Every structure is written in structure tokens, then in C-alpha cells.
């Protein structure tokens, strides 16, 4: 019985303490820290939902689709670089991705 009372008193004290700290932080009382800090997400950072980089990354990853068309060697002069959110070879208006020893054509929907 005494252990249950002691546990209840400690639990109630913890709840009152946390509630007091949050209330102090919300009211702007100097020197009273809150338990939960403010979120540091800023628009324009790469992983925020509204940033251009985050939106472009999420949409471009969804549209790349591999086809069944495969070639053994690329024509000369096909640059490898970032296109549509991924790295592909760009050859004459078509995009290819290396898969083992062959190149697979990639289509963007």
C-alpha cells in the first residue's frame, strides 16, 4: 500500500513538473525551458515539404520507368549526368541506365 502511494505521489509530481515547464515555456517566462523544443524546419531546406528540392526529388523519383529495350554498348558521345532526379546516360534524346554489362532504356512519364 505504501509503495503504491509513493508511486502515485512521484507520478503526480512528474506530471506537475512537466506541465509547469511547458506552461512556463509557452508563457515566455525567462529561465524556464520547455520539454519540447521548437521545430527547426525552414522553407527552402532540402528535406522540408515545401522546398523545391524536396518536391522535385519526390516527384522525379516516381516517374522513371525502365523498358525492356536493352543495348550492349552506348553510341559514342553519350554524357553521363543528372537527369530528372537520377543519373543516366543521355544519347540522342533517349536515356539509358547501366545494368550489369548492358544498358537499359529509361522512359520518364
Foldseek 3Di string as FASTA:
>chain_A
DVVVVVVVVVVVVVVVVLVVLQVCVVVVPPPRHHPDDDDPDDAQDQCDPNHPNVVQQVVLVVFKDWDPDKDQDDDPPFDWDDDSNDTFTDDPNWTWDDDPRIIITIDGD
